[in-house]
Amino acid sequence: MGVQGSCRAFAGVVSANFFQVLDSPLVRGRTFTAGEERPGANVPVAIVGDAYWRAHGSDPHLVGRTIRINNRPFTIVGITEPRFEGTMGLVGPEVWLPLGVYDQVASGMF
């Protein structure tokens, strides 16, 4: 079952250990695996921010559902803790993707 609605969200493409390095455990679900970050892996998974989760009704079953990114389905595998913004100062991503999907989504990011 997909997440309903259409919106634009800023996404970051990150390594599997991104959240561990920033000492930011997820509140639900899991982080990315080493296999998902491998170049060309194209495993369509995503981690969403707490604000995204709240904007979608704080659904306790959001992990495991799909969202569409650049018209491609991605399975939500985790939710960040509140107020986590990553490493960007002005604009924090609402969705994070593993490095292994970069080629799959890059053409729609520019």
N, C-alpha and C. Protein backbone atom coordinates (compact mmCIF):
# COMPACT_ATOMS: atom_id res chain seq x y z
N MET A 1 0.85 -1.17 0.00
CA MET A 1 0.00 0.00 0.00
C MET A 1 0.89 1.24 0.00
N GLY A 2 0.67 2.13 -0.90
CA GLY A 2 1.48 3.33 -1.01
C GLY A 2 0.99 4.45 -0.11
N VAL A 3 1.87 5.40 0.14
CA VAL A 3 1.50 6.59 0.89
C VAL A 3 0.70 7.48 -0.05
N GLN A 4 -0.45 7.92 0.38
CA GLN A 4 -1.32 8.72 -0.47
C GLN A 4 -0.84 10.16 -0.55
N GLY A 5 -1.21 10.81 -1.63
CA GLY A 5 -0.90 12.23 -1.78
C GLY A 5 0.33 12.45 -2.62
N SER A 6 0.45 13.66 -3.11
CA SER A 6 1.58 14.03 -3.95
C SER A 6 2.19 15.29 -3.39
N CYS A 7 3.50 15.27 -3.22
CA CYS A 7 4.19 16.46 -2.74
C CYS A 7 5.64 16.38 -3.17
N ARG A 8 6.29 17.49 -3.08
CA ARG A 8 7.73 17.53 -3.35
C ARG A 8 8.46 17.53 -2.02
N ALA A 9 9.53 16.76 -1.98
CA ALA A 9 10.32 16.68 -0.76
C ALA A 9 11.79 16.67 -1.14
N PHE A 10 12.61 17.27 -0.31
CA PHE A 10 14.05 17.27 -0.53
C PHE A 10 14.59 15.93 -0.04
N ALA A 11 15.43 15.29 -0.87
CA ALA A 11 15.99 13.98 -0.52
C ALA A 11 17.51 14.05 -0.47
N GLY A 12 18.09 13.26 0.40
CA GLY A 12 19.54 13.12 0.48
C GLY A 12 19.92 11.69 0.16
N VAL A 13 21.03 11.51 -0.54
CA VAL A 13 21.55 10.18 -0.85
C VAL A 13 22.76 9.98 0.04
N VAL A 14 22.71 8.95 0.91
CA VAL A 14 23.70 8.80 1.97
C VAL A 14 24.25 7.38 2.06
N SER A 15 25.34 7.25 2.80
CA SER A 15 25.98 5.96 3.03
C SER A 15 25.18 5.15 4.06
N ALA A 16 25.48 3.88 4.13
CA ALA A 16 24.78 2.99 5.06
C ALA A 16 25.02 3.37 6.51
N ASN A 17 26.18 3.94 6.82
CA ASN A 17 26.48 4.28 8.21
C ASN A 17 26.21 5.74 8.56
N PHE A 18 25.53 6.47 7.70
CA PHE A 18 25.25 7.89 7.88
C PHE A 18 24.63 8.20 9.25
N PHE A 19 23.60 7.49 9.61
CA PHE A 19 22.90 7.78 10.87
C PHE A 19 23.75 7.38 12.09
N GLN A 20 24.52 6.29 11.96
CA GLN A 20 25.40 5.89 13.07
C GLN A 20 26.51 6.92 13.28
N VAL A 21 27.11 7.41 12.21
CA VAL A 21 28.18 8.39 12.31
C VAL A 21 27.68 9.66 12.99
N LEU A 22 26.45 10.05 12.69
CA LEU A 22 25.89 11.25 13.31
C LEU A 22 25.25 10.97 14.66
N ASP A 23 25.40 9.73 15.13
CA ASP A 23 24.86 9.31 16.43
C ASP A 23 23.38 9.65 16.53
N SER A 24 22.65 9.26 15.50
CA SER A 24 21.22 9.54 15.45
C SER A 24 20.45 8.25 15.14
N PRO A 25 20.09 7.52 16.19
CA PRO A 25 19.32 6.29 15.96
C PRO A 25 17.94 6.60 15.41
N LEU A 26 17.40 5.66 14.68
CA LEU A 26 16.04 5.83 14.15
C LEU A 26 15.03 5.49 15.24
N VAL A 27 13.86 6.10 15.18
CA VAL A 27 12.82 5.80 16.17
C VAL A 27 11.97 4.61 15.74
N ARG A 28 11.98 4.33 14.45
CA ARG A 28 11.27 3.16 13.91
C ARG A 28 12.08 2.60 12.75
N GLY A 29 12.01 1.30 12.61
CA GLY A 29 12.63 0.66 11.46
C GLY A 29 14.13 0.49 11.60
N ARG A 30 14.80 0.53 10.45
CA ARG A 30 16.23 0.23 10.39
C ARG A 30 16.95 1.24 9.49
N THR A 31 18.27 1.22 9.58
CA THR A 31 19.10 2.04 8.69
C THR A 31 19.38 1.23 7.42
N PHE A 32 20.14 1.81 6.52
CA PHE A 32 20.49 1.12 5.28
C PHE A 32 21.55 0.06 5.53
N THR A 33 21.59 -0.93 4.66
CA THR A 33 22.59 -1.98 4.75
C THR A 33 23.75 -1.68 3.80
N ALA A 34 24.87 -2.35 4.01
CA ALA A 34 26.02 -2.18 3.13
C ALA A 34 25.67 -2.57 1.70
N GLY A 35 24.87 -3.58 1.53
CA GLY A 35 24.46 -4.01 0.19
C GLY A 35 23.61 -2.96 -0.53
N GLU A 36 22.84 -2.21 0.23
CA GLU A 36 21.99 -1.18 -0.37
C GLU A 36 22.78 0.04 -0.83
N GLU A 37 23.97 0.24 -0.27
CA GLU A 37 24.78 1.40 -0.66
C GLU A 37 25.75 1.07 -1.79
N ARG A 38 25.90 -0.19 -2.12
CA ARG A 38 26.83 -0.60 -3.17
C ARG A 38 26.45 0.07 -4.50
N PRO A 39 27.40 0.66 -5.22
CA PRO A 39 27.08 1.33 -6.49
C PRO A 39 26.30 0.43 -7.43
N GLY A 40 25.21 0.96 -7.94
CA GLY A 40 24.37 0.22 -8.87
C GLY A 40 23.44 -0.80 -8.24
N ALA A 41 23.40 -0.88 -6.91
CA ALA A 41 22.56 -1.88 -6.25
C ALA A 41 21.09 -1.66 -6.58
N ASN A 42 20.68 -0.41 -6.68
CA ASN A 42 19.29 -0.07 -7.03
C ASN A 42 18.25 -0.77 -6.17
N VAL A 43 18.51 -0.85 -4.86
CA VAL A 43 17.53 -1.39 -3.92
C VAL A 43 16.65 -0.20 -3.50
N PRO A 44 15.38 -0.20 -3.88
CA PRO A 44 14.52 0.97 -3.66
C PRO A 44 13.97 1.06 -2.24
N VAL A 45 14.81 1.56 -1.32
CA VAL A 45 14.40 1.74 0.06
C VAL A 45 14.63 3.20 0.45
N ALA A 46 13.92 3.67 1.47
CA ALA A 46 14.03 5.07 1.90
C ALA A 46 13.83 5.15 3.41
N ILE A 47 14.46 6.16 4.00
CA ILE A 47 14.22 6.52 5.39
C ILE A 47 13.60 7.91 5.36
N VAL A 48 12.52 8.09 6.10
CA VAL A 48 11.85 9.38 6.12
C VAL A 48 12.06 10.08 7.45
N GLY A 49 11.97 11.39 7.41
CA GLY A 49 12.13 12.19 8.61
C GLY A 49 10.87 12.19 9.46
N ASP A 50 11.03 12.56 10.72
CA ASP A 50 9.92 12.64 11.65
C ASP A 50 8.83 13.59 11.13
N ALA A 51 9.24 14.72 10.55
CA ALA A 51 8.25 15.68 10.03
C ALA A 51 7.42 15.05 8.90
N TYR A 52 8.07 14.26 8.05
CA TYR A 52 7.35 13.56 6.99
C TYR A 52 6.35 12.59 7.60
N TRP A 53 6.79 11.85 8.61
CA TRP A 53 5.93 10.88 9.28
C TRP A 53 4.72 11.58 9.89
N ARG A 54 4.95 12.70 10.56
CA ARG A 54 3.84 13.45 11.17
C ARG A 54 2.89 14.02 10.11
N ALA A 55 3.46 14.48 9.00
CA ALA A 55 2.63 15.01 7.91
C ALA A 55 1.75 13.94 7.29
N HIS A 56 2.11 12.69 7.51
CA HIS A 56 1.31 11.57 7.01
C HIS A 56 0.56 10.88 8.15
N GLY A 57 0.16 11.67 9.13
CA GLY A 57 -0.72 11.18 10.18
C GLY A 57 -0.06 10.39 11.28
N SER A 58 1.26 10.43 11.41
CA SER A 58 1.98 9.66 12.43
C SER A 58 1.57 8.19 12.41
N ASP A 59 1.36 7.68 11.22
CA ASP A 59 0.92 6.30 11.03
C ASP A 59 1.97 5.34 11.59
N PRO A 60 1.62 4.54 12.62
CA PRO A 60 2.59 3.61 13.19
C PRO A 60 3.00 2.51 12.22
N HIS A 61 2.28 2.37 11.12
CA HIS A 61 2.58 1.33 10.13
C HIS A 61 3.20 1.89 8.86
N LEU A 62 3.76 3.12 8.94
CA LEU A 62 4.37 3.73 7.76
C LEU A 62 5.58 2.93 7.28
N VAL A 63 6.37 2.39 8.21
CA VAL A 63 7.51 1.54 7.82
C VAL A 63 6.94 0.31 7.11
N GLY A 64 7.47 0.06 5.93
CA GLY A 64 6.99 -1.07 5.12
C GLY A 64 6.09 -0.62 3.97
N ARG A 65 5.59 0.59 4.04
CA ARG A 65 4.76 1.12 2.96
C ARG A 65 5.65 1.72 1.88
N THR A 66 5.06 2.03 0.76
CA THR A 66 5.85 2.59 -0.34
C THR A 66 5.53 4.05 -0.58
N ILE A 67 6.55 4.76 -1.07
CA ILE A 67 6.38 6.12 -1.54
C ILE A 67 6.94 6.15 -2.96
N ARG A 68 6.52 7.12 -3.72
CA ARG A 68 7.04 7.26 -5.08
C ARG A 68 8.03 8.42 -5.10
N ILE A 69 9.21 8.12 -5.62
CA ILE A 69 10.26 9.12 -5.76
C ILE A 69 10.67 9.11 -7.23
N ASN A 70 10.52 10.26 -7.87
CA ASN A 70 10.77 10.34 -9.31
C ASN A 70 10.00 9.26 -10.06
N ASN A 71 8.77 9.07 -9.63
CA ASN A 71 7.84 8.10 -10.23
C ASN A 71 8.28 6.64 -10.07
N ARG A 72 9.12 6.37 -9.08
CA ARG A 72 9.55 5.00 -8.79
C ARG A 72 9.14 4.64 -7.37
N PRO A 73 8.68 3.40 -7.14
CA PRO A 73 8.29 3.01 -5.78
C PRO A 73 9.52 2.70 -4.92
N PHE A 74 9.50 3.24 -3.69
CA PHE A 74 10.53 2.97 -2.69
C PHE A 74 9.84 2.52 -1.41
N THR A 75 10.37 1.51 -0.76
CA THR A 75 9.83 1.02 0.49
C THR A 75 10.44 1.80 1.65
N ILE A 76 9.61 2.31 2.53
CA ILE A 76 10.09 3.02 3.71
C ILE A 76 10.59 1.97 4.71
N VAL A 77 11.87 2.10 5.11
CA VAL A 77 12.45 1.13 6.06
C VAL A 77 12.74 1.75 7.42
N GLY A 78 12.64 3.08 7.54
CA GLY A 78 12.93 3.72 8.82
C GLY A 78 12.40 5.13 8.91
N ILE A 79 12.34 5.62 10.16
CA ILE A 79 11.89 6.98 10.46
C ILE A 79 12.91 7.58 11.44
N THR A 80 13.37 8.80 11.13
CA THR A 80 14.36 9.46 11.99
C THR A 80 13.72 9.97 13.27
N GLU A 81 14.58 10.31 14.21
CA GLU A 81 14.10 10.91 15.45
C GLU A 81 13.66 12.35 15.18
N PRO A 82 12.82 12.91 16.04
CA PRO A 82 12.37 14.30 15.85
C PRO A 82 13.55 15.27 15.78
N ARG A 83 13.40 16.26 14.96
CA ARG A 83 14.37 17.35 14.80
C ARG A 83 15.69 16.94 14.15
N PHE A 84 15.81 15.71 13.67
CA PHE A 84 17.01 15.32 12.95
C PHE A 84 16.99 15.98 11.58
N GLU A 85 18.06 16.71 11.24
CA GLU A 85 18.13 17.42 9.96
C GLU A 85 19.30 16.98 9.11
N GLY A 86 20.09 16.06 9.58
CA GLY A 86 21.23 15.62 8.81
C GLY A 86 22.38 16.59 8.91
N THR A 87 23.10 16.78 7.82
CA THR A 87 24.30 17.61 7.83
C THR A 87 24.14 18.93 7.09
N MET A 88 22.99 19.17 6.52
CA MET A 88 22.77 20.40 5.77
C MET A 88 22.23 21.48 6.69
N GLY A 89 22.82 22.65 6.61
CA GLY A 89 22.45 23.72 7.52
C GLY A 89 21.12 24.40 7.23
N LEU A 90 20.85 24.73 5.99
CA LEU A 90 19.66 25.50 5.67
C LEU A 90 18.45 24.64 5.32
N VAL A 91 18.67 23.61 4.54
CA VAL A 91 17.56 22.78 4.08
C VAL A 91 17.88 21.33 4.42
N GLY A 92 17.15 20.77 5.34
CA GLY A 92 17.37 19.37 5.70
C GLY A 92 16.47 18.46 4.89
N PRO A 93 16.98 17.34 4.42
CA PRO A 93 16.15 16.40 3.68
C PRO A 93 14.98 15.88 4.52
N GLU A 94 13.93 15.52 3.85
CA GLU A 94 12.78 14.86 4.49
C GLU A 94 12.83 13.36 4.23
N VAL A 95 13.64 12.98 3.24
CA VAL A 95 13.78 11.58 2.84
C VAL A 95 15.25 11.32 2.56
N TRP A 96 15.73 10.16 2.98
CA TRP A 96 17.11 9.75 2.71
C TRP A 96 17.07 8.45 1.92
N LEU A 97 17.97 8.35 0.95
CA LEU A 97 18.07 7.16 0.10
C LEU A 97 19.50 6.63 0.19
N PRO A 98 19.69 5.32 -0.02
CA PRO A 98 21.04 4.77 0.04
C PRO A 98 21.84 5.10 -1.22
N LEU A 99 23.15 5.18 -1.09
CA LEU A 99 24.02 5.50 -2.23
C LEU A 99 23.77 4.62 -3.45
N GLY A 100 23.38 3.40 -3.25
CA GLY A 100 23.19 2.46 -4.35
C GLY A 100 22.06 2.81 -5.31
N VAL A 101 21.22 3.77 -4.97
CA VAL A 101 20.14 4.18 -5.89
C VAL A 101 20.46 5.49 -6.59
N TYR A 102 21.65 6.02 -6.37
CA TYR A 102 21.99 7.32 -6.95
C TYR A 102 21.71 7.39 -8.45
N ASP A 103 22.21 6.40 -9.21
CA ASP A 103 22.00 6.41 -10.67
C ASP A 103 20.52 6.33 -11.01
N GLN A 104 19.74 5.67 -10.20
CA GLN A 104 18.31 5.48 -10.44
C GLN A 104 17.53 6.78 -10.25
N VAL A 105 17.96 7.64 -9.35
CA VAL A 105 17.18 8.85 -9.04
C VAL A 105 17.85 10.15 -9.47
N ALA A 106 19.13 10.13 -9.77
CA ALA A 106 19.87 11.37 -10.05
C ALA A 106 19.26 12.17 -11.21
N SER A 107 18.80 11.51 -12.23
CA SER A 107 18.28 12.25 -13.39
C SER A 107 17.05 13.07 -13.03
N GLY A 108 16.31 12.67 -12.01
CA GLY A 108 15.13 13.42 -11.61
C GLY A 108 15.41 14.43 -10.51
N MET A 109 16.66 14.48 -10.04
CA MET A 109 16.99 15.39 -8.94
C MET A 109 17.46 16.75 -9.44
N PHE A 110 17.75 16.87 -10.72
CA PHE A 110 18.30 18.12 -11.24
C PHE A 110 17.33 18.79 -12.20
